[in-house]
C-alpha cells in the first residue's frame, strides 16, 4: 500500500519514528485525512501545506523562490513573510497542487533571493 515494511508501520504507530516528508501524500491518501491537528497559525499552516505536498524545506523554499532559511524561519514562527511575498505564501497554502507562480519568476520582485534547484 504505502511501500514500507511492517516494522515501519509499527514505529509510526508507536510514535517511535516520523515518516519521511515525501511519504506524507501517500499516508494522507491511505488514511483519507491529515493526521495532524488543525493548524492554528501561519507557521503550522506552512508545515501542513509542505507535508501535504511531500516537500522538504529546501523544495518548498524553491517553489516560492526564497532562501530555505527564510522558509524555515516562517515555519518556526521566528519570521513572518513580508508584504511582497504574502501573496505567494497564500498561494502555497492552497490545497491544490497546481503549479505556483513563485517570487523567483516575478519580474517586479527585484529584492528576491535566487531560487534553489529542487531536490530530485
Protein backbone atom coordinates (compact mmCIF):
# COMPACT_ATOMS: atom_id res chain seq x y z
CA UNK A 1 0.00 0.00 0.00
CA UNK A 2 2.46 2.65 1.15
CA UNK A 3 5.59 0.84 0.05
CA UNK A 4 7.08 0.42 3.53
CA UNK A 5 7.77 -2.69 5.57
CA UNK A 6 5.66 -3.76 8.59
CA UNK A 7 8.34 -2.60 11.02
CA UNK A 8 7.99 0.94 9.71
CA UNK A 9 4.23 0.83 10.36
CA UNK A 10 4.95 -0.34 13.89
CA UNK A 11 7.38 2.54 14.51
CA UNK A 12 4.84 5.03 13.20
CA UNK A 13 2.02 3.60 15.31
CA UNK A 14 4.16 3.71 18.45
CA UNK A 15 5.34 7.25 17.66
CA UNK A 16 8.92 5.97 17.68
CA UNK A 17 9.68 7.43 14.26
CA UNK A 18 8.24 10.08 11.99
CA UNK A 19 7.54 9.35 8.33
CA UNK A 20 9.81 10.98 5.80
CA UNK A 21 8.21 14.09 4.34
CA UNK A 22 7.95 12.52 0.87
CA UNK A 23 5.75 9.78 2.39
CA UNK A 24 3.05 12.13 3.67
CA UNK A 25 0.99 12.40 0.45
CA UNK A 26 0.63 8.59 0.31
CA UNK A 27 -0.18 8.42 4.02
CA UNK A 28 -2.85 11.12 3.65
CA UNK A 29 -4.36 9.28 0.66
CA UNK A 30 -4.32 5.99 2.59
CA UNK A 31 -5.91 7.43 5.74
CA UNK A 32 -8.27 9.77 3.92
CA UNK A 33 -7.31 12.64 6.20
CA UNK A 34 -4.32 14.55 7.52
CA UNK A 35 -3.03 13.01 10.74
CA UNK A 36 -2.00 16.28 12.41
CA UNK A 37 -4.11 18.77 14.35
CA UNK A 38 -5.75 21.63 12.50
CA UNK A 39 -3.14 24.36 12.03
CA UNK A 40 -3.89 27.43 14.15
CA UNK A 41 -1.17 29.82 13.00
CA UNK A 42 0.77 30.63 9.84
CA UNK A 43 3.78 28.55 10.90
CA UNK A 44 1.62 25.42 11.40
CA UNK A 45 -0.20 26.09 8.12
CA UNK A 46 3.12 26.18 6.25
CA UNK A 47 4.25 22.88 7.80
CA UNK A 48 0.93 21.25 6.92
CA UNK A 49 0.98 22.55 3.32
CA UNK A 50 4.57 21.39 2.86
CA UNK A 51 3.83 17.92 4.24
CA UNK A 52 0.67 17.69 2.14
CA UNK A 53 2.83 18.11 -0.96
CA UNK A 54 5.63 15.89 0.34
CA UNK A 55 8.21 18.68 0.06
CA UNK A 56 11.39 19.26 2.03
CA UNK A 57 12.02 22.76 3.36
CA UNK A 58 14.51 23.24 0.53
CA UNK A 59 11.94 22.21 -2.10
CA UNK A 60 9.21 24.38 -0.57
CA UNK A 61 11.56 27.36 -0.45
CA UNK A 62 12.49 26.80 -4.10
CA UNK A 63 8.81 26.63 -5.03
CA UNK A 64 8.35 30.08 -3.54
CA UNK A 65 11.69 31.39 -4.75
CA UNK A 66 13.02 32.18 -1.28
CA UNK A 67 16.03 31.05 0.72
CA UNK A 68 15.47 27.83 2.68
CA UNK A 69 16.49 29.64 5.87
CA UNK A 70 13.73 32.16 5.27
CA UNK A 71 11.15 29.43 4.72
CA UNK A 72 12.39 27.58 7.79
CA UNK A 73 12.02 30.72 9.91
CA UNK A 74 8.49 31.19 8.61
CA UNK A 75 7.72 27.60 9.64
CA UNK A 76 9.05 28.09 13.15
CA UNK A 77 7.25 31.41 13.52
CA UNK A 78 10.52 33.30 14.01
CA UNK A 79 9.72 35.47 10.99
CA UNK A 80 6.57 36.46 9.13
CA UNK A 81 6.53 36.88 5.35
CA UNK A 82 6.96 40.44 4.15
CA UNK A 83 4.09 42.05 2.30
CA UNK A 84 5.66 41.46 -1.14
CA UNK A 85 5.78 37.70 -0.56
CA UNK A 86 2.49 37.23 1.30
CA UNK A 87 0.51 36.52 -1.89
CA UNK A 88 2.90 33.73 -2.83
CA UNK A 89 2.69 32.26 0.65
CA UNK A 90 -1.11 32.40 0.46
CA UNK A 91 -1.00 30.54 -2.88
CA UNK A 92 1.30 27.92 -1.36
CA UNK A 93 -1.21 27.34 1.43
CA UNK A 94 -3.98 26.41 -1.00
CA UNK A 95 -4.95 22.76 -1.04
CA UNK A 96 -4.40 22.11 -4.75
CA UNK A 97 -1.14 21.06 -6.30
CA UNK A 98 -1.42 23.29 -9.33
CA UNK A 99 1.80 24.97 -10.50
CA UNK A 100 2.53 28.07 -8.49
CA UNK A 101 3.97 31.36 -9.63
CA UNK A 102 6.98 31.98 -7.43
CA UNK A 103 8.77 35.07 -6.26
CA UNK A 104 11.67 33.97 -8.45
CA UNK A 105 9.61 34.28 -11.63
CA UNK A 106 8.09 37.65 -10.70
CA UNK A 107 9.92 40.38 -12.70
CA UNK A 108 8.69 43.06 -10.28
CA UNK A 109 10.45 41.42 -7.36
CA UNK A 110 13.96 42.84 -7.58
CA UNK A 111 14.84 42.12 -3.92
CA UNK A 112 14.46 38.38 -4.06
CA UNK A 113 16.81 35.53 -3.39
CA UNK A 114 17.61 33.34 -6.39
CA UNK A 115 15.54 30.15 -6.34
CA UNK A 116 17.13 26.90 -5.30
CA UNK A 117 17.09 23.84 -7.51
CA UNK A 118 14.56 21.33 -6.12
CA UNK A 119 15.97 18.05 -4.89
CA UNK A 120 15.35 15.08 -7.13
